[in-house]
Structures are given as C-alpha cells and as structure tokens.
C-alpha atoms as a PDB file:
ATOM      1  CA  MET A   1      -1.462 -17.151 -14.738  1.00  0.00           C
ATOM      2  CA  LEU A   2      -2.905 -16.435 -11.324  1.00  0.00           C
ATOM      3  CA  CYS A   3      -4.501 -13.286 -12.720  1.00  0.00           C
ATOM      4  CA  GLN A   4      -6.646 -15.563 -14.910  1.00  0.00           C
ATOM      5  CA  VAL A   5      -8.473 -16.740 -11.765  1.00  0.00           C
ATOM      6  CA  ALA A   6     -11.700 -14.794 -11.282  1.00  0.00           C
ATOM      7  CA  SER A   7     -11.263 -14.359  -7.516  1.00  0.00           C
ATOM      8  CA  CYS A   8      -7.740 -13.013  -7.978  1.00  0.00           C
ATOM      9  CA  GLN A   9      -8.927 -10.622 -10.693  1.00  0.00           C
ATOM     10  CA  SER A  10     -11.634  -9.399  -8.332  1.00  0.00           C
ATOM     11  CA  PHE A  11      -9.107  -8.947  -5.495  1.00  0.00           C
ATOM     12  CA  LEU A  12      -6.718  -6.943  -7.681  1.00  0.00           C
ATOM     13  CA  HIS A  13      -9.536  -4.823  -9.049  1.00  0.00           C
ATOM     14  CA  LYS A  14     -10.803  -3.959  -5.561  1.00  0.00           C
ATOM     15  CA  LEU A  15      -7.242  -3.284  -4.443  1.00  0.00           C
ATOM     16  CA  SER A  16      -6.776  -0.775  -7.260  1.00  0.00           C
ATOM     17  CA  VAL A  17      -9.701   1.388  -6.093  1.00  0.00           C
ATOM     18  CA  GLY A  18      -7.319   3.323  -3.857  1.00  0.00           C
ATOM     19  CA  THR A  19      -8.883   2.829  -0.438  1.00  0.00           C
ATOM     20  CA  ALA A  20      -8.057   0.373   2.321  1.00  0.00           C
ATOM     21  CA  LEU A  21      -9.122  -3.131   1.394  1.00  0.00           C
ATOM     22  CA  GLY A  22     -10.241  -5.364   4.210  1.00  0.00           C
ATOM     23  CA  GLN A  23     -11.331  -8.973   4.114  1.00  0.00           C
ATOM     24  CA  ARG A  24     -15.010  -8.060   4.306  1.00  0.00           C
ATOM     25  CA  GLU A  25     -14.766  -5.598   1.386  1.00  0.00           C
ATOM     26  CA  SER A  26     -12.882  -8.124  -0.715  1.00  0.00           C
ATOM     27  CA  GLU A  27     -15.802 -10.567  -0.476  1.00  0.00           C
ATOM     28  CA  LEU A  28     -13.260 -13.397  -0.258  1.00  0.00           C
ATOM     29  CA  GLU A  29     -12.914 -16.118   2.322  1.00  0.00           C
ATOM     30  CA  LYS A  30     -10.307 -15.394   5.011  1.00  0.00           C
ATOM     31  CA  ASP A  31      -7.691 -17.817   3.640  1.00  0.00           C
ATOM     32  CA  SER A  32      -8.072 -16.590   0.060  1.00  0.00           C
ATOM     33  CA  PHE A  33      -7.846 -12.958   1.140  1.00  0.00           C
ATOM     34  CA  ARG A  34      -4.724 -13.676   3.173  1.00  0.00           C
ATOM     35  CA  SER A  35      -3.099 -15.623   0.329  1.00  0.00           C
ATOM     36  CA  TYR A  36      -3.814 -13.015  -2.339  1.00  0.00           C
ATOM     37  CA  GLY A  37      -2.720 -10.260   0.023  1.00  0.00           C
ATOM     38  CA  ASN A  38       0.556 -12.023   0.800  1.00  0.00           C
ATOM     39  CA  LEU A  39       1.283 -12.610  -2.884  1.00  0.00           C
ATOM     40  CA  ALA A  40       0.484  -8.996  -3.726  1.00  0.00           C
ATOM     41  CA  GLU A  41       2.778  -7.798  -0.921  1.00  0.00           C
ATOM     42  CA  ILE A  42       5.596 -10.001  -2.181  1.00  0.00           C
ATOM     43  CA  CYS A  43       5.169  -8.442  -5.632  1.00  0.00           C
ATOM     44  CA  GLY A  44       5.189  -4.922  -4.155  1.00  0.00           C
ATOM     45  CA  LEU A  45       1.604  -4.273  -5.284  1.00  0.00           C
ATOM     46  CA  CYS A  46       0.361  -3.464  -1.806  1.00  0.00           C
ATOM     47  CA  VAL A  47       1.255  -3.123   1.836  1.00  0.00           C
ATOM     48  CA  ARG A  48      -0.790  -4.254   4.831  1.00  0.00           C
ATOM     49  CA  PHE A  49      -1.132  -2.207   7.988  1.00  0.00           C
ATOM     50  CA  VAL A  50      -2.600  -3.935  11.012  1.00  0.00           C
ATOM     51  CA  ASP A  51      -6.145  -2.819  11.821  1.00  0.00           C
ATOM     52  CA  GLN A  52      -6.236  -0.614   8.699  1.00  0.00           C
ATOM     53  CA  GLY A  53      -6.270  -3.062   5.813  1.00  0.00           C
ATOM     54  CA  ILE A  54      -4.323  -3.460   2.616  1.00  0.00           C
ATOM     55  CA  PHE A  55      -3.326  -0.446   0.541  1.00  0.00           C
ATOM     56  CA  SER A  56      -2.390  -0.498  -3.114  1.00  0.00           C
ATOM     57  CA  THR A  57       1.161   0.682  -3.846  1.00  0.00           C
ATOM     58  CA  PRO A  58       1.365   0.885  -7.639  1.00  0.00           C
ATOM     59  CA  ASN A  59       3.606   3.964  -7.847  1.00  0.00           C
ATOM     60  CA  ASN A  60       7.313   3.840  -8.556  1.00  0.00           C
ATOM     61  CA  PRO A  61       8.185   7.506  -9.109  1.00  0.00           C
ATOM     62  CA  ARG A  62      11.434   8.804 -10.519  1.00  0.00           C
ATOM     63  CA  LEU A  63      13.770  10.361  -7.987  1.00  0.00           C
ATOM     64  CA  ALA A  64      12.748  13.934  -8.840  1.00  0.00           C
ATOM     65  CA  GLU A  65       9.063  13.053  -8.378  1.00  0.00           C
ATOM     66  CA  PHE A  66       9.734  11.041  -5.230  1.00  0.00           C
ATOM     67  CA  VAL A  67      11.461  13.917  -3.449  1.00  0.00           C
ATOM     68  CA  GLY A  68       8.329  16.096  -3.483  1.00  0.00           C
ATOM     69  CA  SER A  69       6.113  13.295  -2.170  1.00  0.00           C
ATOM     70  CA  ALA A  70       8.697  12.299   0.427  1.00  0.00           C
ATOM     71  CA  LEU A  71       9.005  15.837   1.761  1.00  0.00           C
ATOM     72  CA  GLU A  72       5.230  16.353   1.891  1.00  0.00           C
ATOM     73  CA  ALA A  73       4.767  13.054   3.747  1.00  0.00           C
ATOM     74  CA  TYR A  74       7.596  13.908   6.137  1.00  0.00           C
ATOM     75  CA  GLU A  75       6.104  17.303   6.960  1.00  0.00           C
ATOM     76  CA  ALA A  76       2.687  15.726   7.516  1.00  0.00           C
ATOM     77  CA  VAL A  77       3.903  13.100   9.990  1.00  0.00           C
ATOM     78  CA  ARG A  78       6.388  15.186  11.932  1.00  0.00           C
ATOM     79  CA  ALA A  79       3.557  17.489  13.075  1.00  0.00           C
ATOM     80  CA  GLY A  80       5.735  20.340  14.277  1.00  0.00           C
ATOM     81  CA  GLU A  81       8.372  18.104  15.812  1.00  0.00           C
ATOM     82  CA  GLY A  82      11.978  18.208  14.626  1.00  0.00           C
ATOM     83  CA  PHE A  83      11.896  14.664  13.338  1.00  0.00           C
ATOM     84  CA  ALA A  84       9.412  12.077  12.081  1.00  0.00           C
ATOM     85  CA  LEU A  85       9.328   8.391  12.893  1.00  0.00           C
ATOM     86  CA  THR A  86      10.545   6.440   9.860  1.00  0.00           C
ATOM     87  CA  GLY A  87       7.695   3.932  10.145  1.00  0.00           C
ATOM     88  CA  ALA A  88       5.085   6.678  10.181  1.00  0.00           C
ATOM     89  CA  TRP A  89       6.725   8.318   7.171  1.00  0.00           C
ATOM     90  CA  LEU A  90       6.795   5.071   5.183  1.00  0.00           C
ATOM     91  CA  GLU A  91       3.176   4.391   6.135  1.00  0.00           C
ATOM     92  CA  LYS A  92       2.146   7.857   4.916  1.00  0.00           C
ATOM     93  CA  LEU A  93       3.990   7.320   1.622  1.00  0.00           C
ATOM     94  CA  ALA A  94       2.187   4.022   1.100  1.00  0.00           C
ATOM     95  CA  ILE A  95      -1.305   5.160   2.079  1.00  0.00           C
ATOM     96  CA  GLN A  96      -1.369   8.644   0.565  1.00  0.00           C
ATOM     97  CA  TYR A  97       1.062   8.336  -2.347  1.00  0.00           C
ATOM     98  CA  GLY A  98       0.876   4.625  -3.189  1.00  0.00           C
ATOM     99  CA  ILE A  99       4.636   4.145  -2.837  1.00  0.00           C
ATOM    100  CA  HIS A 100       5.708   0.786  -1.391  1.00  0.00           C
ATOM    101  CA  PRO A 101       8.268   0.991   1.458  1.00  0.00           C
ATOM    102  CA  VAL A 102      10.711  -1.105  -0.577  1.00  0.00           C
ATOM    103  CA  ARG A 103      10.601   1.458  -3.380  1.00  0.00           C
ATOM    104  CA  ALA A 104      11.027   4.320  -0.901  1.00  0.00           C
ATOM    105  CA  ARG A 105      14.437   2.986   0.038  1.00  0.00           C
END
C-alpha cells in the first residue's frame, strides 16, 4: 500500500537507477527520505553507507552466480593483501553487484 504513495514511488524509482541516492537527489524532505530509506533497508531493497548515500540491492543471486561476484569483489578490496576486511567486501558487493549484506551471508 505504501507504494501507492507518489513520494514513495518516486523514491523507489530513483533508488532503482543504480547510483548512490542522497537526500538532495531524492527531492524529498529529510524526514521522508530517512523514513523511506529505513523502510527500504528493512525490506532488503537497499543499504546505506555513511557519506555515500543509499544503494539499491535488488539482486539475490543463486549460489553459483554469487560465488563469481563474491570472488571478484574480494579480489578488488584486498588490493594485493592476503586478506580483505569483511566490511569492505560486503560494501563492494552492495555497491557494485547490488547484493544486500544479509543476502551475502
């Protein structure tokens, strides 16, 4: 029912573009942006990274598909080191591959 509200429809549409969505880009008031963002995070539709914005996380790949993305993201964040920070890896999966950290578990 909430998706029937024009401002929520607009928020979800702008979120689906695939780039970071900030409050200014959403064209919503601060409280509305925060509320819609929180609800979308609860539903696993997005993840918010401080000072970066909200990123859409619509993908829920099968295990075989996830492995390739997970390995690519791991290699990208480890940058020649032996290991990668888990938080950086999960962030990369969310931003680049649209996979919510909960689904990456």
